[in-house]
Amino acid sequence: MPVEDFLGKKYKLSNSENFDDFMKALGVSLVTRKMGASVNPVVELTESDGTYTLKTTSPFKSSEIKFKLGEEFEEETPDGRKVKSVCTLEGNKLLHIQKGEKETTIEREFSATEMKAVMKVDDIVCTRVYTVQN
């Protein structure tokens, strides 16, 4: 699936597994975990002149990162961690590696109808499925 097929599409969270354990492993507070677990964010990936923007929007918190593929950038995660990140694109998979106190990998796989994010930290694997919004 070419990147053009999923750029600009909005994907809304529809299913989540192990998100609380994932956040717990990152040291996220109970209050923030409860808030994070209660929202269904919308994710959108866009690109302009080689710079990608990944927007995550929800009533609780919205975030946006801008990056060029393969170039390290500084990121503050929605839970407030400061990390150095690198994103690469392989076909329809966006691989996002965050290096900080703990290394986290987020693999987002895009299709015509959904985006599946597989997030890993330590030995915890969290899977979140987002469906396309029209």
Protein backbone atom coordinates (compact mmCIF):
# COMPACT_ATOMS: atom_id res chain seq x y z
CA MET A 1 0.00 0.00 0.00
CA PRO A 2 1.64 3.29 -1.04
CA VAL A 3 2.07 5.98 1.59
CA GLU A 4 -0.27 8.31 -0.33
CA ASP A 5 -3.15 5.92 0.43
CA PHE A 6 -3.10 6.62 4.16
CA LEU A 7 -1.67 10.13 4.43
CA GLY A 8 -4.33 12.58 5.57
CA LYS A 9 -6.76 9.90 6.74
CA LYS A 10 -8.13 10.15 10.26
CA TYR A 11 -8.01 6.96 12.32
CA LYS A 12 -10.03 6.76 15.56
CA LEU A 13 -9.17 4.35 18.37
CA SER A 14 -11.62 1.45 18.40
CA ASN A 15 -9.85 -1.26 20.40
CA SER A 16 -7.03 -1.31 22.94
CA GLU A 17 -5.22 -4.16 24.72
CA ASN A 18 -2.69 -3.85 27.57
CA PHE A 19 -2.58 -0.03 27.44
CA ASP A 20 -2.72 0.30 31.24
CA ASP A 21 0.18 -2.14 31.70
CA PHE A 22 2.13 -0.30 28.98
CA MET A 23 1.61 3.07 30.71
CA LYS A 24 2.41 1.53 34.11
CA ALA A 25 5.74 0.20 32.76
CA LEU A 26 6.58 3.76 31.68
CA GLY A 27 5.87 5.10 35.18
CA VAL A 28 2.69 6.97 34.21
CA SER A 29 0.61 8.02 37.23
CA LEU A 30 -2.70 6.33 38.04
CA VAL A 31 -4.74 9.49 37.32
CA THR A 32 -3.10 9.98 33.92
CA ARG A 33 -3.53 6.27 33.09
CA LYS A 34 -7.25 6.44 33.93
CA MET A 35 -7.66 9.53 31.73
CA GLY A 36 -5.58 7.99 28.93
CA ALA A 37 -7.61 4.79 29.03
CA SER A 38 -10.93 6.63 28.86
CA VAL A 39 -10.39 8.49 25.58
CA ASN A 40 -10.50 7.36 21.95
CA PRO A 41 -7.96 9.58 20.21
CA VAL A 42 -7.89 10.29 16.49
CA VAL A 43 -4.54 9.90 14.69
CA GLU A 44 -3.63 11.57 11.41
CA LEU A 45 -0.36 11.37 9.47
CA THR A 46 0.39 14.04 6.87
CA GLU A 47 3.46 14.97 4.85
CA SER A 48 4.68 18.20 3.30
CA ASP A 49 8.06 18.69 1.57
CA GLY A 50 9.57 15.63 3.26
CA THR A 51 8.43 16.58 6.76
CA TYR A 52 5.84 14.30 8.32
CA THR A 53 3.36 15.40 10.97
CA LEU A 54 1.71 12.88 13.26
CA LYS A 55 -1.25 14.43 15.08
CA THR A 56 -3.08 12.72 17.92
CA THR A 57 -6.25 14.48 19.03
CA SER A 58 -8.51 13.73 21.99
CA PRO A 59 -10.64 15.70 24.45
CA PHE A 60 -8.07 14.93 27.21
CA LYS A 61 -4.84 15.76 25.42
CA SER A 62 -3.66 16.43 21.90
CA SER A 63 -0.12 16.10 20.63
CA GLU A 64 1.74 16.61 17.41
CA ILE A 65 5.21 15.56 16.30
CA LYS A 66 7.01 16.67 13.17
CA PHE A 67 9.86 14.62 11.75
CA LYS A 68 11.87 13.69 8.69
CA LEU A 69 12.29 9.96 8.07
CA GLY A 70 15.48 8.54 9.54
CA GLU A 71 16.45 11.75 11.38
CA GLU A 72 16.58 11.85 15.17
CA PHE A 73 14.40 14.46 16.86
CA GLU A 74 13.51 15.45 20.39
CA GLU A 75 10.01 14.58 21.49
CA GLU A 76 7.96 15.15 24.58
CA THR A 77 5.53 12.26 24.86
CA PRO A 78 1.87 12.81 25.85
CA ASP A 79 2.75 11.50 29.33
CA GLY A 80 5.53 14.10 29.69
CA ARG A 81 8.66 12.00 29.05
CA LYS A 82 11.46 13.66 27.10
CA VAL A 83 12.89 11.22 24.54
CA LYS A 84 14.99 11.14 21.40
CA SER A 85 12.99 9.59 18.58
CA VAL A 86 13.56 8.27 15.08
CA CYS A 87 10.80 7.34 12.62
CA THR A 88 11.22 5.23 9.51
CA LEU A 89 8.70 4.14 6.94
CA GLU A 90 8.76 0.65 5.42
CA GLY A 91 5.89 0.24 2.98
CA ASN A 92 2.74 0.85 5.03
CA LYS A 93 4.51 0.58 8.42
CA LEU A 94 5.74 3.59 10.34
CA LEU A 95 8.32 2.52 12.91
CA HIS A 96 8.78 5.00 15.76
CA ILE A 97 11.59 4.36 18.27
CA GLN A 98 11.72 6.49 21.42
CA LYS A 99 14.92 6.44 23.50
CA GLY A 100 14.79 7.83 26.99
CA GLU A 101 14.89 6.27 30.44
CA LYS A 102 13.30 3.26 28.72
CA GLU A 103 13.32 2.44 25.03
CA THR A 104 9.88 2.23 23.47
CA THR A 105 8.97 1.08 19.97
CA ILE A 106 5.69 1.91 18.27
CA GLU A 107 4.95 0.20 14.98
CA ARG A 108 1.97 1.72 13.19
CA GLU A 109 0.65 -0.38 10.33
CA PHE A 110 -1.74 1.43 8.00
CA SER A 111 -4.37 -0.12 5.74
CA ALA A 112 -7.33 1.23 3.79
CA THR A 113 -9.66 0.73 6.77
CA GLU A 114 -7.52 0.77 9.90
CA MET A 115 -4.25 1.60 11.57
CA LYS A 116 -2.83 -0.88 14.06
CA ALA A 117 -0.31 0.41 16.59
CA VAL A 118 1.84 -2.17 18.38
CA MET A 119 3.67 -0.52 21.26
CA LYS A 120 6.46 -2.24 23.21
CA VAL A 121 8.37 -1.38 26.37
CA ASP A 122 10.34 -3.89 28.46
CA ASP A 123 8.38 -7.14 27.95
CA ILE A 124 4.98 -5.44 27.66
CA VAL A 125 3.21 -5.38 24.31
CA CYS A 126 0.20 -3.11 23.82
CA THR A 127 -1.95 -3.26 20.69
CA ARG A 128 -4.28 -0.42 19.74
CA VAL A 129 -6.50 -0.60 16.65
CA TYR A 130 -7.83 2.57 15.02
CA THR A 131 -10.48 2.61 12.28
CA VAL A 132 -10.77 5.14 9.46
CA GLN A 133 -13.17 8.02 10.03
CA ASN A 134 -15.03 9.37 7.03
